[in-house]
Amino acid sequence: MQTENKSGSGNLPEKKFRAGAISATVWKNETKSKTGEDVAYYTISIERSYKDKNDQWQTTQSFRVNDLPRLALVVNKAYEYLNLVDVNVDAPVGSKPTVSQSSIPDEEIVM
């Protein structure tokens, strides 16, 4: 199954961290700098999954007070991951080590 980002561009997530219903997804994006050079940058999307009254899965970017410990955990894991792959926001594409999407599974964090 291919995952699309919110913009519908078909960009696959770089990594996803989940603790219960809370998840943080790391996205790698590529663009052109002001000088025309290809550069990569990373973004993080955070969401909570829940079932609606019709028993259908939905997501939201709103969190309850009890969600905050798990939210902090997945955000810290995403930050740790980005530091481990030595991300430089303004680095030219291909100048930093890249991580194969197929070699990095989603991480379920058990609390």
PDB file of N, CA and C in Angstrom:
ATOM      1  N   MET A   1       0.833  -1.178   0.000  1.00  0.00           N
ATOM      2  CA  MET A   1       0.000   0.000   0.000  1.00  0.00           C
ATOM      3  C   MET A   1       0.878   1.242   0.000  1.00  0.00           C
ATOM      4  N   GLN A   2       0.647   2.169  -0.881  1.00  0.00           N
ATOM      5  CA  GLN A   2       1.408   3.407  -0.950  1.00  0.00           C
ATOM      6  C   GLN A   2       0.716   4.457  -0.100  1.00  0.00           C
ATOM      7  N   THR A   3       1.510   5.149   0.692  1.00  0.00           N
ATOM      8  CA  THR A   3       0.983   6.195   1.549  1.00  0.00           C
ATOM      9  C   THR A   3       1.209   7.536   0.890  1.00  0.00           C
ATOM     10  N   GLU A   4       0.193   8.388   0.890  1.00  0.00           N
ATOM     11  CA  GLU A   4       0.336   9.727   0.340  1.00  0.00           C
ATOM     12  C   GLU A   4       0.392  10.725   1.471  1.00  0.00           C
ATOM     13  N   ASN A   5       1.162  11.783   1.264  1.00  0.00           N
ATOM     14  CA  ASN A   5       1.158  12.833   2.262  1.00  0.00           C
ATOM     15  C   ASN A   5      -0.095  13.675   2.094  1.00  0.00           C
ATOM     16  N   LYS A   6      -0.276  14.648   2.973  1.00  0.00           N
ATOM     17  CA  LYS A   6      -1.497  15.450   2.968  1.00  0.00           C
ATOM     18  C   LYS A   6      -1.688  16.233   1.674  1.00  0.00           C
ATOM     19  N   SER A   7      -0.589  16.521   0.968  1.00  0.00           N
ATOM     20  CA  SER A   7      -0.725  17.282  -0.280  1.00  0.00           C
ATOM     21  C   SER A   7      -1.108  16.388  -1.453  1.00  0.00           C
ATOM     22  N   GLY A   8      -1.106  15.053  -1.237  1.00  0.00           N
ATOM     23  CA  GLY A   8      -1.495  14.146  -2.302  1.00  0.00           C
ATOM     24  C   GLY A   8      -0.424  13.913  -3.337  1.00  0.00           C
ATOM     25  N   SER A   9       0.821  14.290  -3.049  1.00  0.00           N
ATOM     26  CA  SER A   9       1.882  14.174  -4.044  1.00  0.00           C
ATOM     27  C   SER A   9       2.398  12.752  -4.192  1.00  0.00           C
ATOM     28  N   GLY A  10       2.001  11.828  -3.313  1.00  0.00           N
ATOM     29  CA  GLY A  10       2.476  10.457  -3.412  1.00  0.00           C
ATOM     30  C   GLY A  10       3.818  10.242  -2.756  1.00  0.00           C
ATOM     31  N   ASN A  11       4.334  11.225  -2.048  1.00  0.00           N
ATOM     32  CA  ASN A  11       5.594  11.120  -1.339  1.00  0.00           C
ATOM     33  C   ASN A  11       5.442  10.129  -0.190  1.00  0.00           C
ATOM     34  N   LEU A  12       6.282   9.096  -0.157  1.00  0.00           N
ATOM     35  CA  LEU A  12       6.211   8.124   0.932  1.00  0.00           C
ATOM     36  C   LEU A  12       6.874   8.672   2.184  1.00  0.00           C
ATOM     37  N   PRO A  13       6.358   8.290   3.356  1.00  0.00           N
ATOM     38  CA  PRO A  13       7.002   8.755   4.583  1.00  0.00           C
ATOM     39  C   PRO A  13       8.393   8.157   4.725  1.00  0.00           C
ATOM     40  N   GLU A  14       9.285   8.917   5.303  1.00  0.00           N
ATOM     41  CA  GLU A  14      10.642   8.457   5.589  1.00  0.00           C
ATOM     42  C   GLU A  14      10.614   7.500   6.775  1.00  0.00           C
ATOM     43  N   LYS A  15       9.785   7.821   7.792  1.00  0.00           N
ATOM     44  CA  LYS A  15       9.720   7.033   9.016  1.00  0.00           C
ATOM     45  C   LYS A  15       8.455   7.400   9.756  1.00  0.00           C
ATOM     46  N   LYS A  16       7.896   6.441  10.501  1.00  0.00           N
ATOM     47  CA  LYS A  16       6.698   6.723  11.288  1.00  0.00           C
ATOM     48  C   LYS A  16       6.874   6.129  12.676  1.00  0.00           C
ATOM     49  N   PHE A  17       6.572   6.923  13.688  1.00  0.00           N
ATOM     50  CA  PHE A  17       6.633   6.490  15.079  1.00  0.00           C
ATOM     51  C   PHE A  17       5.223   6.525  15.638  1.00  0.00           C
ATOM     52  N   ARG A  18       4.838   5.453  16.352  1.00  0.00           N
ATOM     53  CA  ARG A  18       3.486   5.363  16.894  1.00  0.00           C
ATOM     54  C   ARG A  18       3.544   4.903  18.342  1.00  0.00           C
ATOM     55  N   ALA A  19       2.763   5.579  19.184  1.00  0.00           N
ATOM     56  CA  ALA A  19       2.561   5.164  20.577  1.00  0.00           C
ATOM     57  C   ALA A  19       1.060   5.173  20.804  1.00  0.00           C
ATOM     58  N   GLY A  20       0.469   4.001  20.792  1.00  0.00           N
ATOM     59  CA  GLY A  20      -0.985   3.919  20.894  1.00  0.00           C
ATOM     60  C   GLY A  20      -1.628   4.595  19.704  1.00  0.00           C
ATOM     61  N   ALA A  21      -2.536   5.519  19.973  1.00  0.00           N
ATOM     62  CA  ALA A  21      -3.263   6.205  18.909  1.00  0.00           C
ATOM     63  C   ALA A  21      -2.517   7.419  18.364  1.00  0.00           C
ATOM     64  N   ILE A  22      -1.359   7.749  18.941  1.00  0.00           N
ATOM     65  CA  ILE A  22      -0.612   8.948  18.555  1.00  0.00           C
ATOM     66  C   ILE A  22       0.534   8.553  17.626  1.00  0.00           C
ATOM     67  N   SER A  23       0.698   9.304  16.536  1.00  0.00           N
ATOM     68  CA  SER A  23       1.800   9.004  15.620  1.00  0.00           C
ATOM     69  C   SER A  23       2.480  10.286  15.151  1.00  0.00           C
ATOM     70  N   ALA A  24       3.766  10.139  14.855  1.00  0.00           N
ATOM     71  CA  ALA A  24       4.566  11.213  14.245  1.00  0.00           C
ATOM     72  C   ALA A  24       5.196  10.621  12.995  1.00  0.00           C
ATOM     73  N   THR A  25       4.964  11.254  11.869  1.00  0.00           N
ATOM     74  CA  THR A  25       5.481  10.779  10.593  1.00  0.00           C
ATOM     75  C   THR A  25       6.515  11.778  10.078  1.00  0.00           C
ATOM     76  N   VAL A  26       7.677  11.248   9.701  1.00  0.00           N
ATOM     77  CA  VAL A  26       8.765  12.063   9.159  1.00  0.00           C
ATOM     78  C   VAL A  26       8.676  12.009   7.639  1.00  0.00           C
ATOM     79  N   TRP A  27       8.639  13.172   7.006  1.00  0.00           N
ATOM     80  CA  TRP A  27       8.567  13.282   5.553  1.00  0.00           C
ATOM     81  C   TRP A  27       9.833  13.940   5.034  1.00  0.00           C
ATOM     82  N   LYS A  28      10.403  13.384   3.979  1.00  0.00           N
ATOM     83  CA  LYS A  28      11.526  14.025   3.300  1.00  0.00           C
ATOM     84  C   LYS A  28      10.970  14.741   2.076  1.00  0.00           C
ATOM     85  N   ASN A  29      11.313  16.005   1.954  1.00  0.00           N
ATOM     86  CA  ASN A  29      10.836  16.829   0.846  1.00  0.00           C
ATOM     87  C   ASN A  29      12.026  17.373   0.076  1.00  0.00           C
ATOM     88  N   GLU A  30      11.877  17.508  -1.201  1.00  0.00           N
ATOM     89  CA  GLU A  30      12.944  18.060  -2.036  1.00  0.00           C
ATOM     90  C   GLU A  30      12.407  19.262  -2.796  1.00  0.00           C
ATOM     91  N   THR A  31      13.253  20.285  -2.906  1.00  0.00           N
ATOM     92  CA  THR A  31      12.871  21.516  -3.579  1.00  0.00           C
ATOM     93  C   THR A  31      14.119  22.170  -4.156  1.00  0.00           C
ATOM     94  N   LYS A  32      13.957  23.331  -4.712  1.00  0.00           N
ATOM     95  CA  LYS A  32      15.082  24.110  -5.242  1.00  0.00           C
ATOM     96  C   LYS A  32      15.365  25.275  -4.294  1.00  0.00           C
ATOM     97  N   SER A  33      16.640  25.539  -4.061  1.00  0.00           N
ATOM     98  CA  SER A  33      17.033  26.693  -3.255  1.00  0.00           C
ATOM     99  C   SER A  33      16.898  27.957  -4.093  1.00  0.00           C
ATOM    100  N   LYS A  34      17.150  29.102  -3.479  1.00  0.00           N
ATOM    101  CA  LYS A  34      17.087  30.371  -4.199  1.00  0.00           C
ATOM    102  C   LYS A  34      18.094  30.417  -5.340  1.00  0.00           C
ATOM    103  N   THR A  35      19.189  29.643  -5.189  1.00  0.00           N
ATOM    104  CA  THR A  35      20.221  29.616  -6.230  1.00  0.00           C
ATOM    105  C   THR A  35      19.952  28.541  -7.279  1.00  0.00           C
ATOM    106  N   GLY A  36      18.838  27.815  -7.137  1.00  0.00           N
ATOM    107  CA  GLY A  36      18.488  26.788  -8.109  1.00  0.00           C
ATOM    108  C   GLY A  36      19.018  25.403  -7.795  1.00  0.00           C
ATOM    109  N   GLU A  37      19.692  25.275  -6.664  1.00  0.00           N
ATOM    110  CA  GLU A  37      20.252  23.984  -6.268  1.00  0.00           C
ATOM    111  C   GLU A  37      19.166  23.110  -5.634  1.00  0.00           C
ATOM    112  N   ASP A  38      19.181  21.807  -5.932  1.00  0.00           N
ATOM    113  CA  ASP A  38      18.251  20.877  -5.298  1.00  0.00           C
ATOM    114  C   ASP A  38      18.619  20.728  -3.830  1.00  0.00           C
ATOM    115  N   VAL A  39      17.635  20.930  -2.938  1.00  0.00           N
ATOM    116  CA  VAL A  39      17.849  20.757  -1.506  1.00  0.00           C
ATOM    117  C   VAL A  39      16.737  19.894  -0.914  1.00  0.00           C
ATOM    118  N   ALA A  40      17.068  19.227   0.171  1.00  0.00           N
ATOM    119  CA  ALA A  40      16.102  18.394   0.877  1.00  0.00           C
ATOM    120  C   ALA A  40      15.827  19.011   2.240  1.00  0.00           C
ATOM    121  N   TYR A  41      14.588  18.878   2.687  1.00  0.00           N
ATOM    122  CA  TYR A  41      14.236  19.284   4.043  1.00  0.00           C
ATOM    123  C   TYR A  41      13.215  18.287   4.575  1.00  0.00           C
ATOM    124  N   TYR A  42      13.090  18.241   5.879  1.00  0.00           N
ATOM    125  CA  TYR A  42      12.210  17.282   6.526  1.00  0.00           C
ATOM    126  C   TYR A  42      11.080  18.005   7.247  1.00  0.00           C
ATOM    127  N   THR A  43       9.916  17.391   7.233  1.00  0.00           N
ATOM    128  CA  THR A  43       8.780  17.885   8.004  1.00  0.00           C
ATOM    129  C   THR A  43       8.226  16.724   8.823  1.00  0.00           C
ATOM    130  N   ILE A  44       7.501  17.071   9.859  1.00  0.00           N
ATOM    131  CA  ILE A  44       6.891  16.075  10.741  1.00  0.00           C
ATOM    132  C   ILE A  44       5.393  16.338  10.780  1.00  0.00           C
ATOM    133  N   SER A  45       4.601  15.294  10.568  1.00  0.00           N
ATOM    134  CA  SER A  45       3.160  15.421  10.781  1.00  0.00           C
ATOM    135  C   SER A  45       2.791  14.579  12.000  1.00  0.00           C
ATOM    136  N   ILE A  46       1.917  15.128  12.826  1.00  0.00           N
ATOM    137  CA  ILE A  46       1.528  14.478  14.075  1.00  0.00           C
ATOM    138  C   ILE A  46       0.019  14.347  14.085  1.00  0.00           C
ATOM    139  N   GLU A  47      -0.466  13.163  14.463  1.00  0.00           N
ATOM    140  CA  GLU A  47      -1.903  12.971  14.494  1.00  0.00           C
ATOM    141  C   GLU A  47      -2.315  11.929  15.522  1.00  0.00           C
ATOM    142  N   ARG A  48      -3.597  11.982  15.854  1.00  0.00           N
ATOM    143  CA  ARG A  48      -4.211  10.999  16.749  1.00  0.00           C
ATOM    144  C   ARG A  48      -5.289  10.270  15.963  1.00  0.00           C
ATOM    145  N   SER A  49      -5.296   8.954  16.048  1.00  0.00           N
ATOM    146  CA  SER A  49      -6.314   8.142  15.382  1.00  0.00           C
ATOM    147  C   SER A  49      -7.439   7.825  16.361  1.00  0.00           C
ATOM    148  N   TYR A  50      -8.645   7.744  15.832  1.00  0.00           N
ATOM    149  CA  TYR A  50      -9.799   7.390  16.663  1.00  0.00           C
ATOM    150  C   TYR A  50     -10.894   6.815  15.760  1.00  0.00           C
ATOM    151  N   LYS A  51     -11.829   6.106  16.367  1.00  0.00           N
ATOM    152  CA  LYS A  51     -12.981   5.602  15.626  1.00  0.00           C
ATOM    153  C   LYS A  51     -14.164   6.533  15.870  1.00  0.00           C
ATOM    154  N   ASP A  52     -14.842   6.882  14.784  1.00  0.00           N
ATOM    155  CA  ASP A  52     -16.001   7.768  14.906  1.00  0.00           C
ATOM    156  C   ASP A  52     -17.242   6.968  15.307  1.00  0.00           C
ATOM    157  N   LYS A  53     -18.380   7.636  15.383  1.00  0.00           N
ATOM    158  CA  LYS A  53     -19.615   6.976  15.833  1.00  0.00           C
ATOM    159  C   LYS A  53     -20.077   5.883  14.880  1.00  0.00           C
ATOM    160  N   ASN A  54     -19.564   5.884  13.632  1.00  0.00           N
ATOM    161  CA  ASN A  54     -19.896   4.842  12.651  1.00  0.00           C
ATOM    162  C   ASN A  54     -18.839   3.750  12.612  1.00  0.00           C
ATOM    163  N   ASP A  55     -17.943   3.736  13.609  1.00  0.00           N
ATOM    164  CA  ASP A  55     -16.883   2.744  13.744  1.00  0.00           C
ATOM    165  C   ASP A  55     -15.862   2.809  12.596  1.00  0.00           C
ATOM    166  N   GLN A  56     -15.693   4.005  12.030  1.00  0.00           N
ATOM    167  CA  GLN A  56     -14.714   4.234  10.969  1.00  0.00           C
ATOM    168  C   GLN A  56     -13.508   4.961  11.547  1.00  0.00           C
ATOM    169  N   TRP A  57     -12.293   4.556  11.121  1.00  0.00           N
ATOM    170  CA  TRP A  57     -11.088   5.217  11.611  1.00  0.00           C
ATOM    171  C   TRP A  57     -10.963   6.610  11.017  1.00  0.00           C
ATOM    172  N   GLN A  58     -10.638   7.570  11.876  1.00  0.00           N
ATOM    173  CA  GLN A  58     -10.421   8.960  11.502  1.00  0.00           C
ATOM    174  C   GLN A  58      -9.124   9.430  12.158  1.00  0.00           C
ATOM    175  N   THR A  59      -8.610  10.566  11.715  1.00  0.00           N
ATOM    176  CA  THR A  59      -7.444  11.165  12.360  1.00  0.00           C
ATOM    177  C   THR A  59      -7.730  12.628  12.651  1.00  0.00           C
ATOM    178  N   THR A  60      -7.024  13.139  13.640  1.00  0.00           N
ATOM    179  CA  THR A  60      -7.150  14.542  14.017  1.00  0.00           C
ATOM    180  C   THR A  60      -5.796  15.063  14.471  1.00  0.00           C
ATOM    181  N   GLN A  61      -5.638  16.364  14.438  1.00  0.00           N
ATOM    182  CA  GLN A  61      -4.436  16.999  14.961  1.00  0.00           C
ATOM    183  C   GLN A  61      -4.731  17.655  16.307  1.00  0.00           C
ATOM    184  N   SER A  62      -5.847  17.293  16.910  1.00  0.00           N
ATOM    185  CA  SER A  62      -6.203  17.757  18.249  1.00  0.00           C
ATOM    186  C   SER A  62      -5.893  16.648  19.242  1.00  0.00           C
ATOM    187  N   PHE A  63      -5.397  17.046  20.400  1.00  0.00           N
ATOM    188  CA  PHE A  63      -4.966  16.066  21.394  1.00  0.00           C
ATOM    189  C   PHE A  63      -5.604  16.358  22.742  1.00  0.00           C
ATOM    190  N   ARG A  64      -5.839  15.296  23.492  1.00  0.00           N
ATOM    191  CA  ARG A  64      -6.373  15.416  24.842  1.00  0.00           C
ATOM    192  C   ARG A  64      -5.207  15.512  25.820  1.00  0.00           C
ATOM    193  N   VAL A  65      -5.492  15.936  27.021  1.00  0.00           N
ATOM    194  CA  VAL A  65      -4.450  16.045  28.048  1.00  0.00           C
ATOM    195  C   VAL A  65      -3.748  14.700  28.243  1.00  0.00           C
ATOM    196  N   ASN A  66      -4.498  13.616  28.255  1.00  0.00           N
ATOM    197  CA  ASN A  66      -3.904  12.290  28.456  1.00  0.00           C
ATOM    198  C   ASN A  66      -3.059  11.824  27.277  1.00  0.00           C
ATOM    199  N   ASP A  67      -3.179  12.486  26.122  1.00  0.00           N
ATOM    200  CA  ASP A  67      -2.364  12.145  24.952  1.00  0.00           C
ATOM    201  C   ASP A  67      -0.956  12.743  25.026  1.00  0.00           C
ATOM    202  N   LEU A  68      -0.768  13.756  25.849  1.00  0.00           N
ATOM    203  CA  LEU A  68       0.474  14.521  25.836  1.00  0.00           C
ATOM    204  C   LEU A  68       1.731  13.692  26.123  1.00  0.00           C
ATOM    205  N   PRO A  69       1.722  12.740  27.071  1.00  0.00           N
ATOM    206  CA  PRO A  69       2.946  11.932  27.251  1.00  0.00           C
ATOM    207  C   PRO A  69       3.321  11.141  25.996  1.00  0.00           C
ATOM    208  N   ARG A  70       2.349  10.549  25.330  1.00  0.00           N
ATOM    209  CA  ARG A  70       2.638   9.807  24.095  1.00  0.00           C
ATOM    210  C   ARG A  70       3.040  10.754  22.968  1.00  0.00           C
ATOM    211  N   LEU A  71       2.423  11.909  22.920  1.00  0.00           N
ATOM    212  CA  LEU A  71       2.780  12.916  21.928  1.00  0.00           C
ATOM    213  C   LEU A  71       4.241  13.324  22.101  1.00  0.00           C
ATOM    214  N   ALA A  72       4.633  13.582  23.345  1.00  0.00           N
ATOM    215  CA  ALA A  72       6.027  13.959  23.623  1.00  0.00           C
ATOM    216  C   ALA A  72       6.971  12.832  23.222  1.00  0.00           C
ATOM    217  N   LEU A  73       6.577  11.606  23.478  1.00  0.00           N
ATOM    218  CA  LEU A  73       7.428  10.457  23.155  1.00  0.00           C
ATOM    219  C   LEU A  73       7.653  10.333  21.649  1.00  0.00           C
ATOM    220  N   VAL A  74       6.589  10.387  20.853  1.00  0.00           N
ATOM    221  CA  VAL A  74       6.765  10.215  19.400  1.00  0.00           C
ATOM    222  C   VAL A  74       7.507  11.396  18.781  1.00  0.00           C
ATOM    223  N   VAL A  75       7.291  12.602  19.311  1.00  0.00           N
ATOM    224  CA  VAL A  75       8.020  13.769  18.802  1.00  0.00           C
ATOM    225  C   VAL A  75       9.505  13.634  19.127  1.00  0.00           C
ATOM    226  N   ASN A  76       9.826  13.187  20.335  1.00  0.00           N
ATOM    227  CA  ASN A  76      11.231  12.976  20.701  1.00  0.00           C
ATOM    228  C   ASN A  76      11.879  11.896  19.856  1.00  0.00           C
ATOM    229  N   LYS A  77      11.146  10.837  19.561  1.00  0.00           N
ATOM    230  CA  LYS A  77      11.684   9.767  18.702  1.00  0.00           C
ATOM    231  C   LYS A  77      11.937  10.299  17.285  1.00  0.00           C
ATOM    232  N   ALA A  78      11.044  11.112  16.773  1.00  0.00           N
ATOM    233  CA  ALA A  78      11.236  11.696  15.441  1.00  0.00           C
ATOM    234  C   ALA A  78      12.462  12.605  15.448  1.00  0.00           C
ATOM    235  N   TYR A  79      12.605  13.405  16.484  1.00  0.00           N
ATOM    236  CA  TYR A  79      13.762  14.294  16.600  1.00  0.00           C
ATOM    237  C   TYR A  79      15.057  13.491  16.688  1.00  0.00           C
ATOM    238  N   GLU A  80      15.031  12.437  17.489  1.00  0.00           N
ATOM    239  CA  GLU A  80      16.200  11.551  17.620  1.00  0.00           C
ATOM    240  C   GLU A  80      16.549  10.924  16.276  1.00  0.00           C
ATOM    241  N   TYR A  81      15.557  10.433  15.558  1.00  0.00           N
ATOM    242  CA  TYR A  81      15.773   9.833  14.244  1.00  0.00           C
ATOM    243  C   TYR A  81      16.422  10.837  13.286  1.00  0.00           C
ATOM    244  N   LEU A  82      15.891  12.049  13.250  1.00  0.00           N
ATOM    245  CA  LEU A  82      16.425  13.061  12.338  1.00  0.00           C
ATOM    246  C   LEU A  82      17.864  13.415  12.675  1.00  0.00           C
ATOM    247  N   ASN A  83      18.213  13.390  13.932  1.00  0.00           N
ATOM    248  CA  ASN A  83      19.598  13.645  14.311  1.00  0.00           C
ATOM    249  C   ASN A  83      20.491  12.458  13.984  1.00  0.00           C
ATOM    250  N   LEU A  84      19.961  11.249  14.045  1.00  0.00           N
ATOM    251  CA  LEU A  84      20.754  10.066  13.710  1.00  0.00           C
ATOM    252  C   LEU A  84      21.076   9.988  12.223  1.00  0.00           C
ATOM    253  N   VAL A  85      20.159  10.465  11.371  1.00  0.00           N
ATOM    254  CA  VAL A  85      20.444  10.446   9.935  1.00  0.00           C
ATOM    255  C   VAL A  85      21.174  11.711   9.504  1.00  0.00           C
ATOM    256  N   ASP A  86      21.567  12.534  10.500  1.00  0.00           N
ATOM    257  CA  ASP A  86      22.404  13.705  10.250  1.00  0.00           C
ATOM    258  C   ASP A  86      21.752  14.651   9.257  1.00  0.00           C
ATOM    259  N   VAL A  87      20.546  15.036   9.550  1.00  0.00           N
ATOM    260  CA  VAL A  87      19.781  15.905   8.661  1.00  0.00           C
ATOM    261  C   VAL A  87      20.315  17.329   8.734  1.00  0.00           C
ATOM    262  N   ASN A  88      20.513  17.920   7.570  1.00  0.00           N
ATOM    263  CA  ASN A  88      20.873  19.323   7.459  1.00  0.00           C
ATOM    264  C   ASN A  88      19.815  19.946   6.560  1.00  0.00           C
ATOM    265  N   VAL A  89      19.028  20.844   7.101  1.00  0.00           N
ATOM    266  CA  VAL A  89      17.872  21.380   6.385  1.00  0.00           C
ATOM    267  C   VAL A  89      18.232  21.954   5.024  1.00  0.00           C
ATOM    268  N   ASP A  90      19.372  22.622   4.930  1.00  0.00           N
ATOM    269  CA  ASP A  90      19.739  23.275   3.676  1.00  0.00           C
ATOM    270  C   ASP A  90      20.765  22.484   2.865  1.00  0.00           C
ATOM    271  N   ALA A  91      20.915  21.203   3.148  1.00  0.00           N
ATOM    272  CA  ALA A  91      21.918  20.406   2.435  1.00  0.00           C
ATOM    273  C   ALA A  91      21.456  20.112   1.013  1.00  0.00           C
ATOM    274  N   PRO A  92      22.365  20.168   0.048  1.00  0.00           N
ATOM    275  CA  PRO A  92      22.010  19.771  -1.317  1.00  0.00           C
ATOM    276  C   PRO A  92      21.570  18.309  -1.342  1.00  0.00           C
ATOM    277  N   VAL A  93      20.628  17.996  -2.203  1.00  0.00           N
ATOM    278  CA  VAL A  93      20.164  16.620  -2.332  1.00  0.00           C
ATOM    279  C   VAL A  93      21.341  15.728  -2.671  1.00  0.00           C
ATOM    280  N   GLY A  94      21.459  14.618  -1.968  1.00  0.00           N
ATOM    281  CA  GLY A  94      22.531  13.661  -2.229  1.00  0.00           C
ATOM    282  C   GLY A  94      23.803  13.945  -1.464  1.00  0.00           C
ATOM    283  N   SER A  95      23.892  15.073  -0.744  1.00  0.00           N
ATOM    284  CA  SER A  95      25.121  15.383  -0.026  1.00  0.00           C
ATOM    285  C   SER A  95      25.167  14.748   1.356  1.00  0.00           C
ATOM    286  N   LYS A  96      24.034  14.313   1.860  1.00  0.00           N
ATOM    287  CA  LYS A  96      23.967  13.649   3.156  1.00  0.00           C
ATOM    288  C   LYS A  96      23.568  12.203   2.930  1.00  0.00           C
ATOM    289  N   PRO A  97      23.935  11.323   3.867  1.00  0.00           N
ATOM    290  CA  PRO A  97      23.518   9.934   3.707  1.00  0.00           C
ATOM    291  C   PRO A  97      21.996   9.842   3.686  1.00  0.00           C
ATOM    292  N   THR A  98      21.487   9.035   2.789  1.00  0.00           N
ATOM    293  CA  THR A  98      20.046   8.828   2.751  1.00  0.00           C
ATOM    294  C   THR A  98      19.747   7.451   3.294  1.00  0.00           C
ATOM    295  N   VAL A  99      18.548   7.285   3.768  1.00  0.00           N
ATOM    296  CA  VAL A  99      18.132   6.032   4.360  1.00  0.00           C
ATOM    297  C   VAL A  99      17.044   5.446   3.480  1.00  0.00           C
ATOM    298  N   SER A 100      17.208   4.193   3.087  1.00  0.00           N
ATOM    299  CA  SER A 100      16.228   3.548   2.232  1.00  0.00           C
ATOM    300  C   SER A 100      14.908   3.408   2.970  1.00  0.00           C
ATOM    301  N   GLN A 101      13.827   3.840   2.346  1.00  0.00           N
ATOM    302  CA  GLN A 101      12.514   3.745   2.979  1.00  0.00           C
ATOM    303  C   GLN A 101      12.143   2.300   3.259  1.00  0.00           C
ATOM    304  N   SER A 102      12.562   1.378   2.406  1.00  0.00           N
ATOM    305  CA  SER A 102      12.181  -0.015   2.608  1.00  0.00           C
ATOM    306  C   SER A 102      12.944  -0.651   3.767  1.00  0.00           C
ATOM    307  N   SER A 103      14.063  -0.046   4.178  1.00  0.00           N
ATOM    308  CA  SER A 103      14.858  -0.641   5.258  1.00  0.00           C
ATOM    309  C   SER A 103      14.462  -0.134   6.631  1.00  0.00           C
ATOM    310  N   ILE A 104      13.550   0.830   6.708  1.00  0.00           N
ATOM    311  CA  ILE A 104      13.174   1.400   7.986  1.00  0.00           C
ATOM    312  C   ILE A 104      11.687   1.184   8.221  1.00  0.00           C
ATOM    313  N   PRO A 105      11.365   0.225   9.074  1.00  0.00           N
ATOM    314  CA  PRO A 105       9.927  -0.010   9.347  1.00  0.00           C
ATOM    315  C   PRO A 105       9.374   1.054  10.284  1.00  0.00           C
ATOM    316  N   ASP A 106       8.047   1.140  10.328  1.00  0.00           N
ATOM    317  CA  ASP A 106       7.412   1.983  11.330  1.00  0.00           C
ATOM    318  C   ASP A 106       7.788   1.467  12.693  1.00  0.00           C
ATOM    319  N   GLU A 107       7.853   2.337  13.672  1.00  0.00           N
ATOM    320  CA  GLU A 107       8.195   1.918  15.023  1.00  0.00           C
ATOM    321  C   GLU A 107       7.005   2.084  15.922  1.00  0.00           C
ATOM    322  N   GLU A 108       6.605   1.000  16.536  1.00  0.00           N
ATOM    323  CA  GLU A 108       5.540   1.009  17.532  1.00  0.00           C
ATOM    324  C   GLU A 108       6.203   1.143  18.885  1.00  0.00           C
ATOM    325  N   ILE A 109       5.825   2.143  19.640  1.00  0.00           N
ATOM    326  CA  ILE A 109       6.405   2.394  20.942  1.00  0.00           C
ATOM    327  C   ILE A 109       5.407   1.897  21.982  1.00  0.00           C
ATOM    328  N   VAL A 110       5.803   0.954  22.791  1.00  0.00           N
ATOM    329  CA  VAL A 110       4.913   0.367  23.786  1.00  0.00           C
ATOM    330  C   VAL A 110       5.083   1.104  25.096  1.00  0.00           C
ATOM    331  N   MET A 111       3.956   1.537  25.656  1.00  0.00           N
ATOM    332  CA  MET A 111       3.984   2.243  26.948  1.00  0.00           C
ATOM    333  C   MET A 111       3.245   1.444  27.994  1.00  0.00           C
TER     334      MET A 111
END
